[in-house]
Protein backbone atom coordinates (compact mmCIF):
# COMPACT_ATOMS: atom_id res chain seq x y z
CA MET A 1 -0.01 0.02 -0.06
CA ARG A 2 1.31 3.44 -0.85
CA PRO A 3 0.84 6.65 0.94
CA GLY A 4 -2.00 8.42 -0.79
CA ASN A 5 -5.56 7.02 -0.75
CA PRO A 6 -6.17 3.80 -2.50
CA TRP A 7 -9.75 4.09 -1.68
CA PRO A 8 -11.26 7.22 -3.05
CA GLU A 9 -14.23 7.38 -0.81
CA ALA A 10 -12.40 6.28 2.47
CA GLU A 11 -9.41 7.74 4.44
CA TYR A 12 -7.28 5.11 6.03
CA LEU A 13 -5.08 4.61 9.02
CA VAL A 14 -1.88 2.91 9.42
CA GLY A 15 0.14 1.48 12.19
CA PHE A 16 2.37 -1.45 13.26
CA ARG A 17 0.83 -4.75 13.93
CA ASP A 18 0.44 -5.75 17.52
CA GLU A 19 2.76 -8.76 17.29
CA VAL A 20 5.77 -6.29 16.08
CA ARG A 21 8.28 -4.97 18.55
CA VAL A 22 9.84 -1.63 17.45
CA GLU A 23 12.80 -0.19 19.27
CA PHE A 24 14.86 2.85 18.50
CA ASP A 25 18.64 3.57 19.07
CA ALA A 26 20.71 6.45 17.91
CA THR A 27 21.23 5.28 14.28
CA SER A 28 18.65 2.77 13.57
CA VAL A 29 15.20 1.11 14.20
CA SER A 30 15.07 -2.52 15.43
CA LEU A 31 11.96 -4.43 14.27
CA GLY A 32 11.09 -7.81 15.80
CA THR A 33 8.48 -10.33 14.82
CA PRO A 34 7.84 -13.83 16.41
CA VAL A 35 10.00 -15.37 13.74
CA ARG A 36 13.01 -12.80 13.17
CA THR A 37 14.42 -9.48 14.13
CA PHE A 38 16.02 -7.06 11.72
CA ALA A 39 17.17 -3.33 11.70
CA VAL A 40 16.78 -0.35 9.48
CA ARG A 41 19.35 2.46 9.44
CA LEU A 42 17.27 5.49 10.23
CA GLY A 43 18.99 8.42 12.37
CA GLU A 44 17.26 11.31 14.09
CA GLY A 45 15.07 13.51 11.93
CA ARG A 46 11.40 13.82 10.59
CA LEU A 47 11.37 10.36 8.93
CA ARG A 48 12.21 8.77 12.21
CA ALA A 49 9.40 10.71 13.96
CA ALA A 50 7.05 9.58 11.22
CA LEU A 51 7.85 6.06 11.75
CA ALA A 52 7.55 6.52 15.42
CA SER A 53 4.13 7.69 15.15
CA LEU A 54 2.89 4.28 13.90
CA VAL A 55 3.88 2.71 16.97
CA GLY A 56 1.24 1.88 19.72
CA GLY A 57 -1.85 2.30 17.46
CA LEU A 58 -3.13 3.24 14.17
CA VAL A 59 -3.04 6.86 13.02
CA PRO A 60 -4.41 8.62 9.93
CA MET A 61 -1.76 8.45 7.09
CA ASP A 62 -2.03 12.28 6.57
CA GLU A 63 -1.00 12.75 10.21
CA ALA A 64 1.99 10.56 9.86
CA LEU A 65 3.00 12.56 6.49
CA ARG A 66 2.11 15.99 7.94
CA HIS A 67 5.70 17.16 8.77
CA LEU A 68 7.38 15.61 5.89
CA VAL A 69 8.61 17.62 2.86
CA PRO A 70 7.89 15.96 -0.60
CA ALA A 71 11.29 14.28 -0.95
CA GLU A 72 10.90 12.76 2.59
CA ARG A 73 7.47 11.54 1.60
CA VAL A 74 8.97 9.50 -1.35
CA GLN A 75 11.47 8.10 1.10
CA PHE A 76 8.80 7.25 3.66
CA GLN A 77 6.81 5.52 0.92
CA ARG A 78 9.76 3.39 0.04
CA LEU A 79 10.24 2.55 3.75
CA LEU A 80 6.70 1.51 4.25
CA SER A 81 6.92 -0.54 0.99
CA ARG A 82 9.85 -2.58 2.67
CA LEU A 83 7.88 -3.05 5.94
CA ASN A 84 4.47 -3.75 4.48
CA ARG A 85 4.01 -7.19 6.15
CA LEU A 86 4.60 -5.57 9.54
CA LEU A 87 2.05 -2.94 9.10
CA VAL A 88 -1.92 -2.96 9.32
CA TYR A 89 -4.09 -0.36 7.58
CA GLY A 90 -7.48 0.52 8.99
CA VAL A 91 -10.44 1.73 6.83
CA PRO A 92 -12.85 4.08 8.58
CA ILE A 93 -16.15 4.52 6.70
CA GLY A 94 -18.78 6.66 8.11
CA GLY A 95 -16.57 7.66 11.06
CA ARG A 96 -15.97 4.04 12.18
CA GLU A 97 -13.03 1.71 11.44
CA LEU A 98 -14.98 -1.13 9.73
CA VAL A 99 -12.10 -3.29 8.52
CA ARG A 100 -8.31 -3.56 8.59
CA ILE A 101 -6.05 -4.60 5.92
CA GLU A 102 -2.97 -6.84 6.58
CA HIS A 103 -0.48 -7.52 3.72
CA THR A 104 0.46 -11.25 3.40
CA ALA A 105 2.89 -10.88 0.43
CA PRO A 106 5.63 -8.35 -0.19
CA ASP A 107 4.05 -7.00 -3.38
CA ALA A 108 0.55 -6.73 -2.05
CA GLY A 109 -1.64 -3.87 -3.13
CA THR A 110 -5.38 -3.06 -2.55
CA PRO A 111 -6.80 -0.84 -5.43
CA ALA A 112 -10.41 -0.13 -4.79
CA VAL A 113 -13.04 -1.17 -7.11
CA ARG A 114 -15.99 1.15 -8.05
CA VAL A 115 -19.44 -0.43 -7.08
CA GLY A 116 -22.47 1.09 -8.47
CA PRO A 117 -25.87 1.17 -6.69
CA ASP A 118 -27.44 -1.15 -9.44
CA ASP A 119 -24.41 -3.76 -9.37
CA LEU A 120 -24.59 -7.30 -8.20
CA VAL A 121 -22.03 -8.61 -5.53
CA ARG A 122 -21.21 -11.94 -4.11
CA LEU A 123 -18.40 -13.62 -2.08
CA SER A 124 -15.74 -15.21 -4.12
CA ARG A 125 -15.91 -19.04 -3.83
CA PHE A 126 -12.07 -18.88 -2.60
CA ALA A 127 -12.78 -16.59 0.29
CA LEU A 128 -12.33 -18.11 3.68
CA CYS A 129 -13.78 -16.55 6.88
CA ARG A 130 -12.09 -17.78 10.10
CA SER A 131 -11.19 -16.72 13.68
CA ARG A 132 -7.66 -15.47 14.16
CA SER A 133 -6.09 -13.68 17.09
CA ASN A 134 -9.58 -13.12 18.58
CA ALA A 135 -10.85 -11.46 15.37
CA LEU A 136 -12.97 -12.65 12.43
CA VAL A 137 -10.83 -12.45 9.32
CA LEU A 138 -11.26 -12.99 5.62
CA GLU A 139 -8.44 -14.74 3.63
CA SER A 140 -8.16 -16.23 0.16
CA PRO A 141 -5.38 -18.10 -1.68
CA LEU A 142 -6.06 -15.72 -4.55
CA ALA A 143 -5.60 -12.60 -2.17
CA LYS A 144 -2.39 -11.19 -1.02
CA VAL A 145 -3.93 -9.46 1.98
CA ARG A 146 -5.94 -10.58 4.98
CA VAL A 147 -9.09 -8.49 5.85
CA VAL A 148 -9.92 -8.19 9.50
CA LEU A 149 -13.53 -7.54 10.21
CA VAL A 150 -13.41 -5.12 13.01
CA GLU A 151 -17.22 -3.90 13.18
CA SER A 152 -20.22 -6.18 13.37
CA VAL A 153 -21.69 -4.43 10.24
CA ALA A 154 -18.72 -5.68 8.24
CA ARG A 155 -19.11 -9.23 9.42
CA GLU A 156 -22.87 -9.11 8.80
CA LEU A 157 -22.19 -7.89 5.21
CA VAL A 158 -19.89 -10.83 4.57
CA THR A 159 -22.39 -13.20 5.79
CA SER A 160 -24.92 -12.01 3.47
CA LEU A 161 -22.83 -12.50 0.35
CA ALA A 162 -23.36 -16.36 -0.14
CA GLU A 163 -25.56 -15.57 -2.99
CA ALA A 164 -25.46 -12.64 -5.43
CA ARG A 165 -27.20 -9.61 -4.14
CA GLY A 166 -28.16 -6.04 -5.35
CA VAL A 167 -26.21 -3.63 -3.78
CA ASP A 168 -28.97 -1.18 -2.72
CA GLU A 169 -31.05 -4.15 -1.56
CA LEU A 170 -28.02 -5.28 0.46
CA ALA A 171 -27.46 -1.96 1.98
CA ALA A 172 -31.19 -1.72 3.10
CA SER A 173 -30.95 -5.25 4.84
CA LEU A 174 -28.07 -4.29 6.93
CA ALA A 175 -28.63 -3.33 10.55
CA GLY A 176 -25.30 -1.46 11.16
CA GLY A 177 -26.57 2.00 10.23
CA LEU A 178 -24.51 2.59 7.07
CA THR A 179 -25.65 4.58 4.12
CA ALA A 180 -26.00 3.12 0.62
CA ALA A 181 -22.85 4.98 -0.34
CA GLU A 182 -21.06 3.74 2.75
CA VAL A 183 -21.84 0.11 1.98
CA ARG A 184 -20.62 0.66 -1.67
CA THR A 185 -17.33 2.05 -0.29
CA LEU A 186 -16.85 -0.96 2.02
CA LEU A 187 -17.78 -3.49 -0.99
CA GLY A 188 -15.19 -1.68 -3.12
CA VAL A 189 -12.47 -2.28 -0.47
CA LEU A 190 -13.43 -6.01 -0.17
CA ALA A 191 -13.64 -6.40 -3.97
CA GLY A 192 -10.29 -4.52 -4.56
CA ALA A 193 -8.86 -6.98 -1.98
CA GLY A 194 -10.06 -9.95 -3.91
CA PHE A 195 -12.88 -11.25 -1.73
CA VAL A 196 -15.97 -9.90 -3.46
CA GLU A 197 -16.99 -10.33 -7.06
CA VAL A 198 -18.86 -7.41 -8.84
CA CYS A 199 -20.86 -7.31 -12.00
CA ALA A 200 -23.38 -4.94 -13.48
CA ALA A 201 -27.10 -5.40 -13.23
CA GLY A 202 -28.38 -7.37 -16.14
CA GLU A 203 -24.98 -8.94 -16.77
CA ASP A 204 -23.23 -12.24 -15.88
CA PHE A 205 -20.24 -12.39 -13.37
CA ALA A 206 -17.11 -12.91 -15.11
CA GLY A 207 -16.31 -16.55 -15.58
CA GLU A 208 -13.12 -18.11 -14.21
CA ASP A 209 -10.54 -18.96 -16.66
CA THR A 210 -9.83 -22.70 -17.42
CA ALA A 211 -6.93 -22.92 -15.02
CA LEU A 212 -8.86 -21.50 -12.05
CA GLN A 213 -11.81 -23.63 -12.83
CA GLN A 214 -9.75 -26.62 -12.22
CA TRP A 215 -8.66 -25.56 -8.72
CA ASP A 216 -10.73 -26.85 -5.68
CA PHE A 217 -10.93 -24.41 -2.89
CA HIS A 218 -9.08 -26.55 -0.41
CA ASP A 219 -6.36 -27.54 -2.93
CA LEU A 220 -5.50 -23.98 -3.84
CA LEU A 221 -5.61 -22.80 -0.16
CA PHE A 222 -3.20 -25.72 0.72
CA HIS A 223 -0.91 -24.66 -2.15
CA SER A 224 -0.96 -20.90 -0.95
CA ARG A 225 -0.12 -21.81 2.54
CA VAL A 226 2.82 -24.28 2.31
CA ARG A 227 5.28 -22.28 0.22
CA GLY A 228 6.53 -18.67 0.65
CA GLY A 229 4.91 -15.82 -1.40
CA ARG A 230 1.55 -14.78 -0.16
CA PHE A 231 1.39 -16.04 3.39
CA ASP A 232 2.81 -14.02 6.23
CA GLU A 233 2.77 -16.80 9.00
CA PRO A 234 5.82 -18.33 10.25
CA LEU A 235 7.08 -20.96 7.74
CA GLY A 236 9.85 -23.65 7.98
CA GLY A 237 11.86 -25.07 10.96
CA VAL A 238 10.97 -22.47 13.63
CA PHE A 239 10.37 -24.86 16.23
CA PRO A 240 6.94 -23.33 17.28
CA HIS A 241 6.29 -25.60 20.24
CA LYS A 242 9.83 -25.85 21.75
CA GLY A 243 9.71 -25.28 25.61
CA ARG A 244 5.98 -25.80 25.83
CA ILE A 245 5.31 -29.20 24.49
CA ASP A 246 7.64 -32.37 24.59
CA PRO A 247 8.81 -33.53 21.07
CA ARG A 248 7.44 -36.95 20.04
CA PRO A 249 10.10 -39.90 20.05
CA ALA A 250 11.82 -40.85 16.85
CA VAL A 251 10.64 -44.46 17.32
CA LYS A 252 6.94 -45.14 18.25
CA PRO A 253 6.35 -47.25 21.33
CA VAL A 254 5.41 -50.77 19.82
CA PRO A 255 1.95 -51.74 20.66
CA GLU A 256 1.05 -54.85 22.77
CA GLY A 257 0.04 -58.06 20.96
CA PRO A 258 1.16 -61.28 19.44
CA SER A 259 4.13 -60.90 16.89
CA VAL A 260 5.62 -62.46 13.88
CA GLU A 261 9.32 -62.35 13.44
CA LEU A 262 10.34 -61.30 9.92
CA TYR A 263 13.00 -62.82 7.60
CA ARG A 264 16.16 -60.53 7.56
CA PRO A 265 18.03 -60.77 4.02
CA SER A 266 21.60 -60.61 3.32
CA LEU A 267 22.38 -57.25 1.77
CA GLU A 268 25.28 -58.92 0.04
CA ASP A 269 22.81 -61.44 -1.57
CA VAL A 270 20.41 -58.62 -2.33
CA VAL A 271 23.08 -56.51 -4.25
CA ARG A 272 24.31 -59.68 -6.11
CA GLU A 273 20.74 -60.69 -7.30
CA ASP A 274 19.07 -57.36 -7.78
CA PRO A 275 18.64 -56.11 -11.47
CA GLY A 276 20.43 -52.71 -11.85
CA LEU A 277 18.81 -49.23 -11.10
CA THR A 278 17.98 -48.39 -14.55
CA ALA A 279 16.26 -51.86 -15.34
CA THR A 280 14.30 -51.30 -12.06
CA LEU A 281 13.22 -47.87 -12.72
CA GLU A 282 12.29 -48.72 -16.27
CA GLY A 283 10.42 -51.93 -15.35
CA ARG A 284 8.45 -50.24 -12.72
CA ARG A 285 4.65 -50.35 -13.01
CA SER A 286 1.51 -51.04 -11.08
CA PHE A 287 -0.21 -54.52 -10.68
CA ARG A 288 -3.78 -55.05 -9.82
CA GLY A 289 -3.64 -58.73 -10.33
CA TYR A 290 -1.89 -61.30 -8.62
CA GLY A 291 -0.45 -65.03 -9.11
CA GLU A 292 -2.01 -68.21 -7.97
CA ARG A 293 0.56 -68.56 -5.40
CA PRO A 294 0.50 -65.98 -2.63
CA LEU A 295 3.16 -63.68 -1.42
CA THR A 296 5.45 -65.43 1.04
CA ALA A 297 6.34 -64.29 4.74
CA GLU A 298 10.03 -64.35 3.64
CA GLN A 299 9.32 -62.07 0.59
CA LEU A 300 7.24 -59.77 2.89
CA GLY A 301 10.11 -59.68 5.41
CA GLU A 302 12.61 -58.90 2.69
CA PHE A 303 10.45 -56.10 1.40
CA LEU A 304 9.88 -54.42 4.73
CA TYR A 305 13.49 -54.77 5.68
CA ARG A 306 14.73 -53.07 2.47
CA VAL A 307 11.86 -50.37 2.73
CA GLY A 308 11.06 -49.32 6.24
CA ARG A 309 13.42 -50.84 8.93
CA VAL A 310 15.27 -48.46 11.38
CA ARG A 311 18.90 -48.68 10.28
CA THR A 312 20.65 -46.61 12.99
CA ARG A 313 19.21 -44.78 16.09
CA TYR A 314 20.70 -41.73 17.92
CA VAL A 315 19.58 -41.56 21.49
CA PRO A 316 20.47 -38.02 22.89
CA GLY A 317 22.15 -37.74 26.31
CA PRO A 318 20.86 -35.42 28.97
CA GLU A 319 22.75 -32.45 27.87
CA ASP A 320 21.47 -32.64 24.26
CA GLU A 321 18.65 -30.37 22.99
CA PRO A 322 15.08 -31.64 23.12
CA GLY A 323 14.24 -33.39 19.76
CA SER A 324 17.76 -34.36 18.88
CA GLU A 325 16.83 -37.96 18.86
CA ILE A 326 16.99 -39.24 15.15
CA VAL A 327 16.98 -42.42 13.18
CA SER A 328 17.92 -43.36 9.77
CA ARG A 329 15.72 -45.63 7.49
CA PRO A 330 16.30 -46.65 3.67
CA TYR A 331 14.45 -43.50 2.50
CA PRO A 332 15.15 -39.89 3.09
CA THR A 333 12.94 -37.41 5.01
CA GLY A 334 13.30 -33.74 5.98
CA GLY A 335 15.22 -33.32 9.24
CA SER A 336 15.43 -37.03 9.83
CA ALA A 337 11.96 -36.90 11.26
CA PHE A 338 10.76 -40.30 9.98
CA GLU A 339 7.36 -39.79 11.13
CA LEU A 340 5.72 -42.34 8.86
CA GLU A 341 4.68 -45.69 10.29
CA LEU A 342 3.68 -48.92 8.45
CA TYR A 343 0.57 -51.06 9.02
CA LEU A 344 -0.26 -54.24 7.01
CA THR A 345 -3.72 -55.66 6.54
CA ILE A 346 -3.16 -59.06 5.24
CA ARG A 347 -5.74 -61.24 3.34
CA ARG A 348 -3.24 -63.84 1.97
CA CYS A 349 0.42 -64.24 2.66
CA ALA A 350 1.98 -67.83 3.19
CA GLY A 351 3.42 -68.07 6.71
CA VAL A 352 1.48 -64.98 8.15
CA GLU A 353 -2.23 -65.22 9.39
CA PRO A 354 -4.88 -62.88 8.13
CA GLY A 355 -5.27 -59.73 10.25
CA SER A 356 -4.12 -56.12 10.69
CA TYR A 357 -0.41 -55.65 11.97
CA TYR A 358 1.92 -52.85 12.82
CA TYR A 359 5.40 -53.04 11.44
CA ASP A 360 7.95 -52.59 14.38
CA PRO A 361 11.05 -51.09 12.29
CA VAL A 362 13.33 -51.80 15.10
CA GLY A 363 12.63 -55.32 15.96
CA HIS A 364 11.71 -56.13 12.29
CA ARG A 365 8.45 -57.91 13.08
CA LEU A 366 4.73 -57.74 12.74
CA VAL A 367 2.62 -57.05 15.75
CA LEU A 368 -1.13 -58.01 15.60
CA VAL A 369 -3.32 -54.89 16.26
CA ASN A 370 -6.70 -56.22 15.08
CA ASP A 371 -7.70 -59.66 13.93
CA ASP A 372 -11.45 -58.93 13.47
CA PRO A 373 -12.47 -60.22 10.01
CA GLY A 374 -15.01 -57.62 9.48
CA ASP A 375 -12.48 -54.71 9.96
CA ARG A 376 -10.06 -56.58 7.86
CA ARG A 377 -12.65 -56.94 4.92
CA ALA A 378 -13.57 -53.19 5.49
CA MET A 379 -10.04 -52.01 4.94
CA LEU A 380 -9.52 -54.24 1.98
CA ASP A 381 -12.68 -53.14 0.39
CA VAL A 382 -11.81 -49.53 0.46
CA ALA A 383 -8.51 -50.54 -1.20
CA ALA A 384 -10.25 -52.31 -3.76
CA VAL A 385 -12.65 -49.55 -4.69
CA SER A 386 -9.58 -47.27 -5.15
CA THR A 387 -8.71 -49.61 -8.10
CA SER A 388 -12.05 -49.51 -9.57
CA ARG A 389 -12.37 -53.22 -8.13
CA GLU A 390 -9.56 -54.31 -10.29
CA ALA A 391 -7.65 -55.64 -7.40
CA ASP A 392 -8.60 -58.17 -4.73
CA PRO A 393 -5.86 -57.09 -2.43
CA GLU A 394 -3.52 -59.55 -0.87
CA VAL A 395 -1.53 -57.12 1.41
CA LEU A 396 -2.62 -53.53 1.96
CA ILE A 397 0.15 -51.42 3.48
CA THR A 398 -1.34 -48.27 5.35
CA MET A 399 1.19 -45.46 5.81
CA THR A 400 0.42 -43.27 8.83
CA SER A 401 2.07 -40.04 10.06
CA ARG A 402 2.78 -39.14 13.42
CA PHE A 403 2.22 -35.63 12.54
CA GLN A 404 3.45 -33.89 15.78
CA ARG A 405 6.77 -35.39 14.98
CA LEU A 406 6.97 -32.96 12.21
CA SER A 407 4.78 -29.91 13.61
CA TRP A 408 6.96 -29.59 16.69
CA LYS A 409 9.70 -28.27 14.54
CA TYR A 410 8.07 -27.07 11.24
CA SER A 411 5.51 -24.34 11.14
CA GLY A 412 3.06 -23.79 8.19
CA MET A 413 4.58 -26.84 6.14
CA ALA A 414 4.48 -29.82 8.37
CA TYR A 415 1.53 -31.61 6.61
CA ALA A 416 2.95 -30.71 3.18
CA THR A 417 6.17 -32.26 4.34
CA THR A 418 4.54 -35.52 5.43
CA LEU A 419 2.93 -35.85 2.12
CA ARG A 420 6.23 -35.36 0.50
CA HIS A 421 7.64 -38.21 2.61
CA THR A 422 4.75 -40.37 1.57
CA GLY A 423 5.68 -39.93 -2.06
CA VAL A 424 9.27 -40.71 -1.40
CA LEU A 425 8.08 -44.04 0.35
CA TYR A 426 5.80 -44.80 -2.41
CA GLN A 427 8.67 -44.66 -4.87
CA THR A 428 10.97 -46.70 -2.52
CA MET A 429 8.31 -49.34 -2.16
CA TYR A 430 7.78 -49.48 -6.11
CA LEU A 431 11.51 -49.81 -6.85
CA VAL A 432 11.94 -52.58 -4.15
CA ALA A 433 9.00 -54.56 -5.17
CA THR A 434 10.02 -54.25 -8.88
CA ALA A 435 13.47 -55.44 -8.07
CA MET A 436 12.17 -58.39 -6.08
CA GLY A 437 9.72 -59.38 -8.80
CA LEU A 438 6.60 -58.56 -6.79
CA ALA A 439 3.33 -56.87 -7.87
CA PRO A 440 3.11 -53.30 -6.39
CA CYS A 441 0.34 -50.71 -6.68
CA GLY A 442 0.14 -47.23 -4.93
CA ILE A 443 -3.50 -46.24 -4.51
CA GLY A 444 -4.85 -42.70 -3.97
CA ILE A 445 -7.95 -42.95 -1.94
CA GLY A 446 -8.18 -44.35 1.56
CA ASP A 447 -10.33 -43.80 4.60
CA ALA A 448 -8.50 -42.20 7.42
CA ASP A 449 -11.42 -42.53 9.91
CA MET A 450 -11.56 -46.20 9.38
CA SER A 451 -7.85 -46.63 9.44
CA ALA A 452 -7.78 -44.90 12.92
CA ARG A 453 -10.60 -47.16 14.31
CA VAL A 454 -9.29 -50.39 12.89
CA LEU A 455 -5.71 -49.77 13.73
CA GLY A 456 -6.27 -48.27 17.17
CA LEU A 457 -5.12 -44.73 16.42
CA ASP A 458 -6.01 -41.40 17.56
CA TYR A 459 -7.00 -39.34 14.36
CA LEU A 460 -5.22 -36.23 15.40
CA GLU A 461 -2.11 -37.94 16.59
CA GLU A 462 -1.49 -40.60 14.06
CA SER A 463 -3.44 -40.59 10.85
CA SER A 464 -3.26 -42.51 7.55
CA VAL A 465 -1.73 -40.62 4.65
CA GLY A 466 -1.14 -43.19 2.11
CA ASP A 467 -1.92 -46.74 1.02
CA PHE A 468 -0.06 -49.38 -1.01
CA LEU A 469 -0.87 -52.83 -2.29
CA LEU A 470 1.57 -55.65 -2.52
CA GLY A 471 1.13 -59.17 -3.83
CA SER A 472 2.59 -61.94 -5.85
CA ARG A 473 3.28 -61.32 -9.50
CA PRO A 474 1.27 -63.10 -12.07
CA PRO A 475 3.50 -65.89 -13.69
CA GLY A 476 5.27 -64.91 -16.72
CA ASP A 477 4.81 -61.25 -16.35
CA PRO A 478 8.21 -59.34 -16.12
CA GLY A 479 6.37 -56.08 -15.24
CA ILE A 480 6.51 -54.50 -18.82
CA TRP A 481 3.70 -53.30 -20.84
CA ASP A 482 3.89 -54.45 -24.44
CA ARG A 483 2.45 -53.32 -27.81
CA GLU A 484 -0.34 -55.82 -27.53
CA GLN A 485 -1.72 -53.83 -24.50
CA GLY A 486 -1.88 -50.89 -26.72
CA TRP A 487 1.26 -49.01 -25.75
CA GLU A 488 3.73 -47.56 -28.23
CA TRP A 489 7.40 -47.31 -27.26
CA VAL A 490 8.14 -43.84 -28.52
CA ASN A 491 11.76 -43.59 -27.33
CA ASP A 492 13.18 -47.08 -28.27
CA PRO A 493 11.36 -49.83 -30.25
CA GLU A 494 13.73 -52.48 -28.66
CA TRP A 495 13.15 -51.09 -25.20
CA ALA A 496 10.41 -53.52 -24.13
CA ALA A 497 12.50 -56.57 -25.15
CA TRP A 498 15.64 -55.26 -23.28
CA ALA A 499 13.67 -54.36 -20.21
CA GLY A 500 12.01 -57.82 -20.04
CA GLY A 501 15.49 -59.64 -19.81
CA ALA A 502 17.21 -56.94 -17.73
CA LEU A 503 14.77 -57.46 -14.76
CA GLY A 504 15.89 -60.74 -14.09
CA ARG A 505 13.81 -61.85 -11.14
CA THR A 506 10.32 -62.57 -12.42
């Protein structure tokens, strides 16, 4: 926002946000936020006095500029542009401050939209209204500002915009004592900020372009919140709960129950017998059918050992920082968090009874957590539906996330990070299964509530984030699609023949 009036019908106020600490010394100004502190060189003078006037409450912009000469006003404009995410702008209409504007992106601007008395208005489908810091706010993944709804009439206005309304009709229905012109001014502010859509009477609202049409609200909101750019909350490894909440252990306590010790392969034998990395990558594909012979306990043991075991574990001493316990597994994760756990729902596996099991990555064993046939069928049925019932799953692997293992350290990106880890684990499973000559298939839809109930989990503490099917490969199928199935090898006509022989273990 630039000094000068971005809303022609409304004066505005400016000041530092409540969470910003401002301290002056002889040559600079120190500005502190919950995440970081930095300094701006600014000696004694009128610019310093103008900036100091913004501390402790909002003041009219004209008052802050009053003692500055034109050249200093330009300097002040540049300074405010640098500090825009530390400031809040109040919009008084009809003598009352109705809303406040907080910039969430460095390049945010809020030009007003002219709203006529006969126009139609409605709330954007991407607008989100929620409670934040004891106030009701409007946010949107399409907006680079947040609007704080200060007065009840502003909140009433927003809740009246679920459907398209005529401006004058809307103004007459509000109980806040605003004139029609003042309602139009407020709507112009909200429209300029990106929360309200406007069209002339007798016309249709502007349609969304094809890119925006294909964004669901929650997907676009998630995208806008897990990367820097248009979000001003702390993001990254800022340890938001350090000193208040104990970190979760790197290794989950193993549940009580009957256990099945698993086969541990020789890594020297594995290296000798595996196909090469390129052959494994090129041979990877999904299977939704299985061989007559079931997967064996030995194959399952080798698969889990190569995919998910704890290889090493560092246990911190009393002098170490909280949260410094780490482990290593065959796949990578951010911060060595390894928050993912594996549960197996088994229908058919030679040497392992049907049931739902927890995989103990330290003891390399399966621990029975549920042997109810109905629960087992329900879990497998959801997995079958995810494959359009092409698969009758032999083994369903449910990946769960101990979310607080990440959120203790990472702010604003913890859930996105666990999904990234889930994708890494999918690829690891695919490659190991392909190298072993098994039938893998990652699936995209699961039931987190059902998984929590069947596996005995707290939905908020450990919840399913991915599912993977594993079984025996149909005989004679090397895992390569051929021309008879309608695929054309566009890069190398001889590739299918090469890959079929290179895979080796079929």
